[in-house]
Protein backbone atom coordinates (compact mmCIF):
# COMPACT_ATOMS: atom_id res chain seq x y z
CA MET A 1 -4.29 -44.51 -1.36
CA ASN A 2 -6.97 -43.33 -2.65
CA LEU A 3 -7.92 -39.77 -2.93
CA LYS A 4 -9.97 -39.37 0.28
CA ASN A 5 -6.88 -40.84 2.10
CA VAL A 6 -4.73 -38.06 0.25
CA VAL A 7 -6.70 -35.36 1.26
CA LEU A 8 -7.30 -36.40 4.65
CA PHE A 9 -3.41 -36.77 4.98
CA VAL A 10 -2.71 -33.01 3.68
CA PHE A 11 -5.21 -31.69 5.83
CA GLY A 12 -3.81 -33.56 8.81
CA LEU A 13 -0.19 -31.86 8.17
CA GLY A 14 -1.84 -28.37 7.41
CA MET A 15 -2.99 -29.06 11.58
CA ILE A 16 -0.13 -30.26 12.42
CA ALA A 17 1.69 -26.99 10.76
CA GLY A 18 -1.20 -24.68 11.96
CA ALA A 19 -0.48 -26.01 15.74
CA GLN A 20 3.08 -25.36 15.45
CA ALA A 21 2.50 -21.80 13.89
CA GLN A 22 0.46 -20.48 17.12
CA VAL A 23 4.17 -19.93 18.96
CA ASN A 24 3.37 -22.31 21.75
CA VAL A 25 0.25 -21.61 22.57
CA LEU A 26 -0.60 -25.48 23.05
CA ASN A 27 2.35 -26.24 24.89
CA ALA A 28 2.14 -23.18 27.11
CA LYS A 29 1.81 -23.77 31.03
CA THR A 30 1.09 -20.07 31.45
CA PRO A 31 0.33 -16.78 29.22
CA ASP A 32 3.82 -15.99 29.65
CA ASP A 33 4.61 -18.88 27.64
CA ILE A 34 2.56 -17.95 24.74
CA GLY A 35 4.70 -16.57 21.87
CA LYS A 36 8.31 -17.77 22.82
CA LYS A 37 10.10 -20.18 21.14
CA THR A 38 12.48 -22.86 22.20
CA GLU A 39 16.21 -22.68 20.81
CA GLY A 40 15.36 -25.94 19.36
CA GLN A 41 12.48 -24.33 17.46
CA ILE A 42 14.29 -21.38 16.31
CA ALA A 43 17.16 -23.56 15.14
CA TYR A 44 14.08 -25.55 13.21
CA ASP A 45 12.53 -22.66 11.74
CA ASN A 46 15.43 -21.01 10.29
CA ASP A 47 13.17 -18.12 9.90
CA LYS A 48 14.40 -15.96 7.55
CA PRO A 49 12.77 -14.06 4.47
CA LEU A 50 13.15 -15.80 1.31
CA PRO A 51 15.99 -14.25 -0.65
CA TYR A 52 15.04 -12.40 -3.79
CA GLY A 53 18.13 -13.85 -5.88
CA TYR A 54 20.43 -12.26 -8.42
CA THR A 55 19.25 -10.77 -11.44
CA ASP A 56 21.35 -9.73 -14.35
CA GLU A 57 20.76 -7.28 -15.85
CA ARG A 58 21.02 -8.20 -19.00
CA ASP A 59 18.32 -10.84 -18.00
CA VAL A 60 15.92 -7.97 -17.89
CA LEU A 61 14.25 -7.89 -21.47
CA TRP A 62 11.62 -4.99 -20.58
CA SER A 63 11.05 -3.13 -17.39
CA LYS A 64 8.38 -0.60 -15.98
CA THR A 65 7.90 1.57 -12.74
CA THR A 66 4.75 1.85 -10.87
CA TRP A 67 3.28 3.42 -8.09
CA GLU A 68 0.35 2.30 -6.58
CA ILE A 69 -2.19 3.45 -3.91
CA ILE A 70 -3.89 0.78 -1.38
CA ASP A 71 -6.76 1.93 -0.07
CA LEU A 72 -7.01 1.00 3.23
CA ASP A 73 -11.01 1.36 3.37
CA GLU A 74 -11.37 -2.04 1.15
CA ARG A 75 -11.69 -5.42 2.47
CA ILE A 76 -9.24 -7.20 1.58
CA ASN A 77 -6.36 -4.52 2.30
CA PHE A 78 -7.81 -4.89 6.08
CA PRO A 79 -4.76 -6.95 7.02
CA LEU A 80 -2.74 -4.02 6.78
CA TYR A 81 -4.43 -1.71 8.69
CA TYR A 82 -6.25 -3.65 11.87
CA PRO A 83 -5.46 -3.56 14.58
CA ILE A 84 -5.58 0.07 15.38
CA ASP A 85 -5.70 -0.79 19.09
CA THR A 86 -2.58 -2.92 20.28
CA ASN A 87 -3.71 -2.37 23.96
CA ASN A 88 -5.59 -6.07 24.10
CA ILE A 89 -3.84 -7.77 21.50
CA GLY A 90 -1.07 -10.12 21.81
CA ALA A 91 2.37 -8.79 20.98
CA ASP A 92 2.78 -10.95 17.79
CA ARG A 93 -0.42 -8.56 16.37
CA ARG A 94 0.24 -5.91 14.83
CA SER A 95 -0.69 -3.08 11.97
CA LEU A 96 1.77 -2.57 9.14
CA TYR A 97 2.23 0.96 10.24
CA ASP A 98 2.92 -0.33 13.77
CA VAL A 99 5.61 -2.39 13.05
CA LEU A 100 7.39 0.17 10.95
CA VAL A 101 7.33 3.03 13.48
CA LYS A 102 8.63 0.33 16.06
CA ASN A 103 11.21 -0.71 14.23
CA ILE A 104 12.26 2.77 13.08
CA LYS A 105 12.42 4.07 16.55
CA ASN A 106 14.49 1.19 17.91
CA GLY A 107 17.12 1.53 14.84
CA LYS A 108 16.31 -1.49 13.01
CA ILE A 109 15.01 0.17 9.97
CA ASP A 110 17.31 2.99 8.97
CA GLU A 111 16.51 3.51 5.34
CA ILE A 112 13.65 5.95 5.70
CA TYR A 113 13.22 8.47 2.91
CA SER A 114 11.27 11.74 1.83
CA ASP A 115 9.87 10.55 -1.59
CA SER A 116 9.57 7.70 -3.82
CA TYR A 117 13.02 8.22 -5.34
CA PHE A 118 14.87 7.79 -2.15
CA THR A 119 17.18 10.68 -3.04
CA GLU A 120 16.93 12.15 0.69
CA LYS A 121 17.52 10.38 3.61
CA ARG A 122 15.25 11.19 6.62
CA THR A 123 16.07 10.98 10.15
CA LEU A 124 14.63 9.68 13.24
CA SER A 125 13.92 13.57 14.33
CA ASP A 126 12.43 14.26 10.65
CA ILE A 127 9.87 11.27 11.53
CA ASP A 128 8.67 12.68 14.48
CA ALA A 129 8.15 16.21 13.50
CA SER A 130 5.62 14.16 11.03
CA LEU A 131 3.91 12.28 13.07
CA VAL A 132 3.52 14.54 16.37
CA TYR A 133 1.64 18.30 16.91
CA SER A 134 1.96 20.01 20.13
CA ASP A 135 -0.11 22.88 21.13
CA THR A 136 0.19 25.05 24.04
CA THR A 137 -3.06 25.84 25.27
CA ASP A 138 -4.54 29.26 26.44
CA LEU A 139 -3.85 28.85 30.33
CA GLY A 140 0.08 27.95 28.77
CA VAL A 141 0.61 31.18 26.51
CA GLU A 142 -0.78 32.98 29.54
CA GLN A 143 2.09 31.59 31.82
CA PHE A 144 4.58 31.88 29.05
CA ASN A 145 3.89 35.83 28.94
CA ALA A 146 4.27 35.92 32.64
CA GLU A 147 7.10 33.28 33.88
CA GLY A 148 8.44 32.73 30.38
CA ARG A 149 7.96 29.04 31.08
CA VAL A 150 5.09 26.79 30.18
CA ASP A 151 4.05 23.83 32.22
CA PRO A 152 4.17 20.56 30.67
CA GLN A 153 0.61 20.07 31.57
CA TYR A 154 -0.30 23.38 29.45
CA ILE A 155 1.07 21.46 26.60
CA ARG A 156 -1.10 19.09 24.24
CA ARG A 157 0.35 16.35 21.87
CA PHE A 158 -1.51 14.64 19.13
CA THR A 159 0.44 11.64 18.08
CA LEU A 160 -0.52 10.23 14.80
CA ASP A 161 -1.67 6.01 15.11
CA ALA A 162 -2.60 3.35 13.17
CA GLY A 163 -5.93 4.33 12.96
CA ASP A 164 -5.08 7.41 11.51
CA ILE A 165 -3.32 5.86 8.08
CA GLU A 166 -6.00 6.13 5.48
CA GLU A 167 -3.62 4.45 2.81
CA TRP A 168 -0.57 3.14 1.82
CA ARG A 169 1.54 3.91 -1.44
CA ILE A 170 3.88 1.32 -3.18
CA ARG A 171 6.37 1.62 -5.98
CA GLY A 172 7.58 -1.18 -7.25
CA ILE A 173 8.55 -2.43 -10.85
CA TRP A 174 7.55 -5.15 -13.03
CA TYR A 175 9.92 -6.48 -15.41
CA LEU A 176 10.24 -9.60 -17.99
CA ASP A 177 13.06 -11.89 -16.87
CA LYS A 178 14.31 -13.09 -20.61
CA ARG A 179 16.02 -16.09 -18.86
CA GLN A 180 13.60 -17.68 -17.06
CA GLY A 181 10.62 -16.11 -19.50
CA GLU A 182 8.66 -14.65 -16.62
CA LEU A 183 7.13 -11.67 -15.81
CA LYS A 184 7.94 -10.51 -12.40
CA TYR A 185 7.35 -7.99 -9.62
CA ARG A 186 9.89 -6.53 -6.79
CA LEU A 187 8.43 -4.45 -4.52
CA LEU A 188 10.95 -1.03 -3.88
CA GLY A 189 9.34 0.75 -1.54
CA LEU A 190 5.87 2.14 0.97
CA CYS A 191 4.73 4.76 2.42
CA PRO A 192 2.14 5.41 4.95
CA VAL A 193 -0.30 8.23 3.79
CA ALA A 194 -2.60 10.40 6.43
CA ASN A 195 -3.83 13.90 7.23
CA GLU A 196 -1.51 15.40 9.43
CA ALA A 197 -1.19 15.56 12.78
CA ARG A 198 -2.27 19.25 13.31
CA SER A 199 -5.80 17.70 12.04
CA LYS A 200 -6.30 15.88 15.50
CA ALA A 201 -5.39 19.26 17.14
CA PHE A 202 -8.32 20.99 15.08
CA PRO A 203 -11.05 18.71 14.02
CA ASP A 204 -13.29 21.06 13.85
CA ASP A 205 -11.87 23.25 10.88
CA GLY A 206 -12.36 20.43 8.06
CA LEU A 207 -8.57 20.06 7.68
CA ASP A 208 -7.93 17.43 4.98
CA SER A 209 -4.88 17.27 4.00
CA LYS A 210 -3.46 13.63 3.11
CA VAL A 211 0.25 13.34 3.22
CA GLU A 212 3.02 11.06 2.66
CA LEU A 213 4.72 10.41 6.09
CA PHE A 214 7.50 8.78 5.21
CA TRP A 215 9.20 6.09 2.76
CA ILE A 216 10.51 2.97 3.28
CA TRP A 217 13.40 1.31 1.34
CA PHE A 218 11.07 -2.40 1.56
CA PRO A 219 14.43 -4.76 0.36
CA GLY A 220 15.93 -3.22 3.39
CA ALA A 221 12.97 -3.74 5.60
CA ARG A 222 12.20 -7.84 4.79
CA ASP A 223 13.87 -8.81 8.10
CA VAL A 224 11.66 -7.18 10.13
CA LEU A 225 8.55 -7.46 8.38
CA HIS A 226 8.99 -11.29 8.06
CA LYS A 227 9.32 -11.81 11.65
CA ALA A 228 5.82 -9.64 12.04
CA LYS A 229 2.85 -11.48 10.92
CA ALA A 230 -0.15 -10.17 10.04
CA PHE A 231 -3.73 -11.97 10.14
CA ASN A 232 -4.84 -14.73 8.25
CA ARG A 233 -8.62 -14.67 7.81
CA GLU A 234 -9.10 -18.01 6.14
CA ASN A 235 -7.17 -19.84 8.94
CA THR A 236 -5.93 -17.74 12.60
CA SER A 237 -2.85 -20.74 13.22
CA GLN A 238 -1.43 -20.06 9.57
CA PRO A 239 -0.45 -16.34 10.13
CA ILE A 240 1.56 -14.44 7.27
CA SER A 241 4.19 -12.42 7.19
CA TYR A 242 4.15 -8.89 5.94
CA ASP A 243 7.20 -9.49 4.04
CA HIS A 244 5.10 -12.63 2.31
CA LEU A 245 1.80 -10.59 1.68
CA LEU A 246 3.80 -7.69 0.15
CA ASN A 247 5.85 -9.74 -2.23
CA SER A 248 3.05 -12.19 -3.37
CA ARG A 249 0.51 -8.70 -3.79
CA ARG A 250 -2.19 -9.99 -1.45
CA PHE A 251 -3.52 -7.04 -2.06
CA ASN A 252 -6.06 -4.78 -4.16
CA ALA A 253 -4.17 -1.57 -5.49
CA VAL A 254 -4.97 1.15 -7.94
CA ILE A 255 -2.04 2.47 -9.87
CA TYR A 256 -1.57 6.09 -9.98
CA LYS A 257 1.81 7.00 -11.67
CA GLU A 258 4.33 5.38 -13.86
CA ASP A 259 7.52 5.93 -15.23
CA ASN A 260 7.00 8.45 -18.57
CA VAL A 261 8.55 11.38 -20.76
CA GLN A 262 6.47 13.72 -19.07
CA GLY A 263 8.73 13.19 -15.60
CA ASP A 264 6.36 10.90 -14.49
CA ARG A 265 3.73 12.70 -14.33
CA ASP A 266 0.61 11.21 -12.08
CA VAL A 267 -2.81 9.91 -14.22
CA LYS A 268 -4.57 12.96 -11.93
CA ASP A 269 -2.60 15.55 -14.03
CA TYR A 270 -3.26 14.28 -17.35
CA ILE A 271 -6.89 12.98 -16.49
CA ALA A 272 -8.72 15.37 -14.34
CA ASP A 273 -11.59 15.79 -12.64
CA ASN A 274 -12.56 12.53 -13.93
CA ALA A 275 -12.15 10.25 -11.29
CA LEU A 276 -14.10 6.91 -13.38
CA MET A 277 -11.55 7.78 -16.09
CA GLN A 278 -8.52 7.99 -13.89
CA LEU A 279 -9.50 4.38 -12.67
CA LEU A 280 -10.14 3.60 -16.49
CA GLU A 281 -6.70 4.51 -16.76
CA SER A 282 -5.21 2.82 -14.33
CA ASP A 283 -6.66 -0.88 -15.59
CA ARG A 284 -5.47 0.29 -19.09
CA ILE A 285 -1.97 0.47 -17.98
CA LYS A 286 -2.29 -2.87 -15.51
CA GLU A 287 -3.88 -4.29 -18.61
CA GLN A 288 -0.56 -3.60 -20.87
CA ILE A 289 1.77 -4.82 -18.57
CA ARG A 290 -0.47 -7.89 -18.19
CA ASN A 291 -0.13 -8.40 -22.18
CA ILE A 292 3.81 -7.79 -22.34
CA GLU A 293 3.91 -11.57 -20.74
CA ILE A 294 1.17 -12.80 -22.70
CA ASP A 295 2.50 -12.00 -26.09
CA LEU A 296 5.93 -13.33 -25.20
CA TRP A 297 4.38 -16.14 -25.80
CA ASN A 298 2.78 -15.93 -29.23
CA TYR A 299 4.28 -16.56 -32.30
């Protein structure tokens, strides 16, 4: 078999797999059948996230914890942001934020924390307090003063949605596995960052107070993120799961903190009022991590 035939054969396999990846779109008799797998397809897929495997602490020769910012204004990070309007998009298309919030509300994700150290758990009511802002109109205040109650029509509710998310923050650990002689990365947590919901109620006040809404323990959310698919701009018949996208680091991020003797201080705490130098410091930390693996094989 010559090279040309090999390429065509591989391409053909890719097309067949791509057709299957559209989840019954080619075999659907009605639009309602799109996205539904038969029992045979479900059994054949064995659709579960790839397990990490066990890592013995004695095999970890070196490690460093980093905190990074994923800026959603960057084009490479768009699959984590879009679609922000899901009204006219199929059920299999959701932004990362929508996927997490939906599964927090239905109870499939319960590992929710207030910080990146995962020391204080949060409840669903705590999340609602962060995502929703309620405001009583002037007519509602008058009604309350006169009657002691407020009709729902006089209460405005402002809810954060996917379009309000400005960045994601992630925490992970780089470690050197001496048994395999390989530098590896393990994502531990992720956090959506947005302006407070109150800023939607008073847009003219110039409120710009980005806050960490909540932290998710990533290993506990892998099953949910594996089932949710992100858009693949290279091949729409081969969507990529959020679990795969995040584990394979198919995004661009900037390190804003590393574990250090000064209490894990941020880069901005020791390089103040100089965005360029902060970016260069982030690159220095990345290069330091990269050199660990390179130096391992230098004699």
